[in-house]
Amino acid sequence: FLEAVQGMPFQARPVPGLLMGEILEYPAPFPGALVDVFSNYSDGTKSAGRVEENEDIGHRHYSALHWLYPGVFLPNVLPSASSQSKKAVQSIYTAARNLLQRKTEAGSAHTPWSAVWQACLWARLGDGEAAWRVVLTIFERYSTANMLFLHPTLEKAEKTSGAAEVLTKYQEIKYVKKDRVTASNTRGLKTVDKSPFQYEAQVGVVAAVLELLVQSHVPGQLHLLPALPREIAEKGYITGVAARGDMRVSLIW
C-alpha cells in the first residue's frame, strides 16, 4: 500500500492549483497538466482518453480530498511548526473547501456513497450546516421508510454541444419518489426504479453523523461537537461512541 501511495502524483499529497485556488484532482505530471486515464490499458480495448480539471467537476468521487477524509493532514498541529508553515497549511484547507464547494454546486453527490463522503468532508472542514444539508438529502432521496439506503440508477450524461465526450460523466435517472421508496416485486433488494440496496451508504451515513459530533483523528486530541448544525444544536445526546485512543464518549448538550 505504501509503495502504491508513493507512486501516486506528488505521493498523494494535496496540491493546490494556482489558477482556481482549488486542490487539483489530476496533479501529474505537474499541476494543471493533462493525464492519460487509460494509460494502463495495453490491449487496445480502450481508446485513449484524457482528463482535464473542468471536464467532469461534478464527478461523484472526491479522490483529491482523500487526505481530508478518511485520511488526515496534520503538519499544522506540530508545536514546532512555524507561522509560515501554518499559513501554507491553511491555504491547503482553503483550496480543499473551494474544490468541495464547486463540486457540490456541480451536483457531485448524486449517489448515496458519494453523498456520505461529501458530508464527512464538510464535517472535517467544520461546516456543520453544509454537512447536515447533505445528510438530510441522503435520508430524503436515497433511503426507504425502513432506513435501507439505495444506489440510484445512473445514465450517461448528455454531451454538451461542441464539447468532447467525457467518459466518466454520469447522472442520476429521473427521480420519482414513489418509485424510489416502493419495493420491486423481483428478487433482491431493489425498488421500482431499480435502485439497489447499498452497504457503503448504510454504514457511511452513521460515520457522517458521528463526524458532526465527535472527531478524534488528530492524535492526542478529542473534539466534541466540532461541526454541530443549528437544527440539532438546541439539545441532544450520544452514548458510548467509540473514539480513537480506546475511549468511549457519552455527551449531553
Protein backbone atom coordinates (compact mmCIF):
# COMPACT_ATOMS: atom_id res chain seq x y z
CA PHE A 1 0.00 0.00 0.00
CA LEU A 2 2.80 2.40 0.92
CA GLU A 3 4.52 1.72 -2.40
CA ALA A 4 1.28 2.43 -4.23
CA VAL A 5 0.80 5.73 -2.42
CA GLN A 6 4.40 6.75 -3.01
CA GLY A 7 3.92 6.06 -6.70
CA MET A 8 0.94 8.43 -6.93
CA PRO A 9 1.34 12.02 -8.18
CA PHE A 10 3.13 14.05 -5.51
CA GLN A 11 2.92 10.93 -3.29
CA ALA A 12 -0.83 11.58 -2.86
CA ARG A 13 -0.26 14.86 -1.05
CA PRO A 14 -2.75 17.70 -1.72
CA VAL A 15 -1.62 20.07 -4.46
CA PRO A 16 -3.34 23.48 -4.60
CA GLY A 17 -3.78 24.92 -8.09
CA LEU A 18 -2.73 28.48 -8.79
CA LEU A 19 -5.48 29.43 -11.23
CA MET A 20 -8.66 28.30 -9.45
CA GLY A 21 -7.37 28.20 -5.87
CA GLU A 22 -8.56 24.58 -5.52
CA ILE A 23 -6.93 21.25 -4.74
CA LEU A 24 -6.03 19.71 -8.10
CA GLU A 25 -7.73 16.42 -8.91
CA TYR A 26 -5.12 15.46 -11.53
CA PRO A 27 -1.78 16.96 -10.44
CA ALA A 28 0.54 14.74 -12.50
CA PRO A 29 2.94 15.10 -14.14
CA PHE A 30 2.70 18.72 -12.97
CA PRO A 31 -0.16 20.86 -11.65
CA GLY A 32 -2.73 21.61 -14.33
CA ALA A 33 -1.37 19.03 -16.76
CA LEU A 34 -3.48 16.59 -18.75
CA VAL A 35 -3.41 12.97 -17.66
CA ASP A 36 -3.93 9.87 -19.82
CA VAL A 37 -6.58 7.99 -17.84
CA PHE A 38 -6.28 4.84 -19.95
CA SER A 39 -2.50 4.51 -19.90
CA ASN A 40 -2.79 1.13 -18.14
CA TYR A 41 -4.77 -0.45 -20.99
CA SER A 42 -2.25 -2.02 -23.33
CA ASP A 43 -4.53 -4.49 -25.13
CA GLY A 44 -6.21 -1.86 -27.30
CA THR A 45 -9.68 -2.48 -25.86
CA LYS A 46 -9.98 1.09 -24.66
CA SER A 47 -9.47 4.18 -26.73
CA ALA A 48 -7.08 6.79 -25.38
CA GLY A 49 -8.83 9.40 -23.30
CA ARG A 50 -7.62 12.45 -21.46
CA VAL A 51 -8.99 14.21 -18.41
CA GLU A 52 -8.81 17.90 -17.63
CA GLU A 53 -9.77 19.59 -14.36
CA ASN A 54 -13.07 21.10 -15.50
CA GLU A 55 -14.38 18.33 -17.77
CA ASP A 56 -16.24 16.44 -15.04
CA ILE A 57 -16.08 18.64 -11.94
CA GLY A 58 -19.37 17.14 -10.74
CA HIS A 59 -17.98 13.60 -10.67
CA ARG A 60 -19.12 11.61 -7.64
CA HIS A 61 -15.59 10.75 -6.44
CA TYR A 62 -13.60 13.01 -4.09
CA SER A 63 -10.26 11.35 -4.70
CA ALA A 64 -8.36 14.63 -4.46
CA LEU A 65 -9.64 15.04 -0.90
CA HIS A 66 -8.92 11.57 0.49
CA TRP A 67 -6.29 13.13 2.76
CA LEU A 68 -9.05 15.19 4.44
CA TYR A 69 -11.43 12.25 4.93
CA PRO A 70 -10.94 9.41 5.69
CA GLY A 71 -7.28 10.39 5.97
CA VAL A 72 -5.76 13.23 7.93
CA PHE A 73 -3.34 16.03 7.10
CA LEU A 74 -1.60 17.29 10.21
CA PRO A 75 1.58 19.35 9.76
CA ASN A 76 -0.02 22.36 11.43
CA VAL A 77 -0.62 20.55 14.74
CA LEU A 78 3.10 20.23 15.47
CA PRO A 79 4.08 22.67 18.25
CA SER A 80 7.29 23.47 16.42
CA ALA A 81 5.53 24.44 13.18
CA SER A 82 6.43 27.91 12.02
CA SER A 83 3.82 30.58 11.29
CA GLN A 84 4.80 30.31 7.62
CA SER A 85 4.13 26.57 7.66
CA LYS A 86 0.78 27.06 9.36
CA LYS A 87 -0.17 29.66 6.76
CA ALA A 88 0.76 27.24 3.98
CA VAL A 89 -1.35 24.51 5.55
CA GLN A 90 -4.30 26.87 5.92
CA SER A 91 -4.08 27.65 2.21
CA ILE A 92 -4.41 23.90 1.53
CA TYR A 93 -7.58 23.68 3.60
CA THR A 94 -8.95 26.77 1.85
CA ALA A 95 -8.21 25.15 -1.52
CA ALA A 96 -9.97 21.98 -0.33
CA ARG A 97 -13.05 23.98 0.64
CA ASN A 98 -13.05 25.72 -2.75
CA LEU A 99 -12.89 22.41 -4.61
CA LEU A 100 -15.59 20.84 -2.45
CA GLN A 101 -17.87 23.84 -2.93
CA ARG A 102 -17.51 23.78 -6.71
CA LYS A 103 -18.07 20.01 -6.87
CA THR A 104 -21.14 20.42 -4.66
CA GLU A 105 -22.57 23.10 -6.94
CA ALA A 106 -21.94 20.81 -9.92
CA GLY A 107 -24.05 18.03 -8.36
CA SER A 108 -21.26 15.67 -7.32
CA ALA A 109 -23.19 13.88 -4.53
CA HIS A 110 -25.62 12.10 -6.86
CA THR A 111 -25.14 8.68 -5.26
CA PRO A 112 -25.54 7.96 -1.54
CA TRP A 113 -21.95 6.75 -1.01
CA SER A 114 -20.75 9.94 -2.67
CA ALA A 115 -23.13 12.00 -0.53
CA VAL A 116 -21.93 10.47 2.76
CA TRP A 117 -18.32 11.11 1.72
CA GLN A 118 -19.21 14.72 0.97
CA ALA A 119 -20.93 15.11 4.36
CA CYS A 120 -17.83 13.74 6.11
CA LEU A 121 -15.61 16.16 4.20
CA TRP A 122 -17.76 19.14 5.19
CA ALA A 123 -17.67 17.95 8.79
CA ARG A 124 -13.87 17.74 8.74
CA LEU A 125 -13.84 21.33 7.49
CA GLY A 126 -16.07 22.31 10.43
CA ASP A 127 -19.06 23.25 8.27
CA GLY A 128 -21.95 21.56 10.07
CA GLU A 129 -24.63 23.33 8.03
CA ALA A 130 -23.29 22.07 4.69
CA ALA A 131 -22.80 18.57 6.11
CA TRP A 132 -26.32 18.49 7.57
CA ARG A 133 -27.88 19.51 4.25
CA VAL A 134 -26.23 16.50 2.64
CA VAL A 135 -27.33 14.17 5.44
CA LEU A 136 -30.95 15.31 5.03
CA THR A 137 -30.71 14.74 1.27
CA ILE A 138 -29.47 11.20 1.88
CA PHE A 139 -32.48 10.39 4.08
CA GLU A 140 -34.94 12.14 1.77
CA ARG A 141 -33.69 10.92 -1.60
CA TYR A 142 -31.67 7.76 -1.07
CA SER A 143 -33.43 5.80 1.68
CA THR A 144 -36.58 3.77 2.21
CA ALA A 145 -39.03 4.10 5.11
CA ASN A 146 -37.25 1.29 6.97
CA MET A 147 -33.84 3.01 6.59
CA LEU A 148 -32.35 0.93 3.80
CA PHE A 149 -30.08 3.14 1.72
CA LEU A 150 -30.17 2.89 -2.06
CA HIS A 151 -27.93 3.49 -5.06
CA PRO A 152 -29.91 5.18 -7.85
CA THR A 153 -29.63 4.01 -11.43
CA LEU A 154 -27.24 6.22 -13.38
CA GLU A 155 -27.19 7.11 -17.05
CA LYS A 156 -24.52 8.65 -19.19
CA ALA A 157 -24.76 12.43 -19.18
CA GLU A 158 -25.62 14.09 -22.46
CA LYS A 159 -22.65 15.54 -24.28
CA THR A 160 -22.54 19.31 -24.41
CA SER A 161 -22.79 20.63 -27.95
CA GLY A 162 -19.34 21.15 -29.43
CA ALA A 163 -17.54 19.56 -26.45
CA ALA A 164 -15.60 16.32 -26.38
CA GLU A 165 -17.26 13.28 -24.81
CA VAL A 166 -16.40 12.82 -21.13
CA LEU A 167 -16.22 9.09 -20.48
CA THR A 168 -16.65 9.40 -16.70
CA LYS A 169 -19.69 11.67 -16.69
CA TYR A 170 -22.92 10.05 -15.47
CA GLN A 171 -26.04 11.41 -13.83
CA GLU A 172 -28.98 10.07 -11.86
CA ILE A 173 -32.00 9.00 -13.89
CA LYS A 174 -35.22 10.98 -13.44
CA TYR A 175 -36.13 10.91 -9.75
CA VAL A 176 -39.68 9.86 -8.85
CA LYS A 177 -40.04 9.49 -5.09
CA LYS A 178 -42.77 6.83 -5.09
CA ASP A 179 -40.66 4.62 -7.37
CA ARG A 180 -37.64 5.10 -5.12
CA VAL A 181 -39.34 4.09 -1.89
CA THR A 182 -41.54 1.27 -3.28
CA ALA A 183 -40.10 -2.23 -3.32
CA SER A 184 -39.82 -4.10 -6.59
CA ASN A 185 -41.54 -7.48 -6.98
CA THR A 186 -38.34 -9.00 -8.38
CA ARG A 187 -35.70 -10.82 -6.35
CA GLY A 188 -33.10 -8.80 -4.48
CA LEU A 189 -33.17 -5.59 -2.50
CA LYS A 190 -34.34 -3.25 -5.25
CA THR A 191 -37.04 -0.63 -5.66
CA VAL A 192 -39.40 0.00 -8.56
CA ASP A 193 -36.89 2.37 -10.19
CA LYS A 194 -34.26 -0.41 -9.87
CA SER A 195 -32.27 1.30 -7.13
CA PRO A 196 -30.42 -1.47 -5.24
CA PHE A 197 -29.53 -1.52 -1.56
CA GLN A 198 -26.04 -0.10 -0.99
CA TYR A 199 -23.99 -1.10 2.04
CA GLU A 200 -21.47 1.76 1.74
CA ALA A 201 -24.22 4.28 2.31
CA GLN A 202 -25.76 2.20 5.10
CA VAL A 203 -22.63 2.46 7.27
CA GLY A 204 -21.41 5.73 5.75
CA VAL A 205 -24.37 7.78 6.93
CA VAL A 206 -23.59 6.73 10.51
CA ALA A 207 -19.99 7.86 10.04
CA ALA A 208 -21.18 11.19 8.60
CA VAL A 209 -23.45 11.94 11.57
CA LEU A 210 -20.72 10.97 14.06
CA GLU A 211 -18.23 13.28 12.34
CA LEU A 212 -20.57 16.15 13.23
CA LEU A 213 -20.49 15.23 16.90
CA VAL A 214 -17.10 13.70 17.74
CA GLN A 215 -13.74 13.80 15.94
CA SER A 216 -10.64 12.05 17.26
CA HIS A 217 -8.46 11.71 14.17
CA VAL A 218 -5.83 14.16 15.45
CA PRO A 219 -3.51 12.16 17.75
CA GLY A 220 -3.97 13.15 21.38
CA GLN A 221 -6.98 15.38 20.71
CA LEU A 222 -10.71 14.80 21.16
CA HIS A 223 -13.01 17.33 19.50
CA LEU A 224 -16.57 17.46 20.84
CA LEU A 225 -19.37 18.85 18.65
CA PRO A 226 -16.85 20.06 16.03
CA ALA A 227 -19.48 20.64 13.33
CA LEU A 228 -22.81 20.77 15.15
CA PRO A 229 -25.55 22.05 12.80
CA ARG A 230 -28.04 24.60 14.09
CA GLU A 231 -31.02 22.32 13.52
CA ILE A 232 -29.91 19.91 16.26
CA ALA A 233 -27.91 22.38 18.36
CA GLU A 234 -30.57 23.11 20.99
CA LYS A 235 -30.28 19.75 22.71
CA GLY A 236 -29.22 16.18 22.15
CA TYR A 237 -27.08 13.36 23.42
CA ILE A 238 -24.87 10.47 22.36
CA THR A 239 -23.89 7.43 24.40
CA GLY A 240 -20.95 5.06 24.14
CA VAL A 241 -19.45 6.39 20.90
CA ALA A 242 -16.05 4.82 20.20
CA ALA A 243 -13.17 7.26 19.70
CA ARG A 244 -9.53 6.71 18.84
CA GLY A 245 -7.31 6.04 21.83
CA ASP A 246 -9.58 3.31 23.27
CA MET A 247 -12.17 5.79 24.53
CA ARG A 248 -15.95 5.83 24.78
CA VAL A 249 -17.72 9.16 24.58
CA SER A 250 -21.07 9.98 26.16
CA LEU A 251 -22.22 13.55 25.76
CA ILE A 252 -25.26 15.70 26.51
CA TRP A 253 -25.70 19.18 25.08
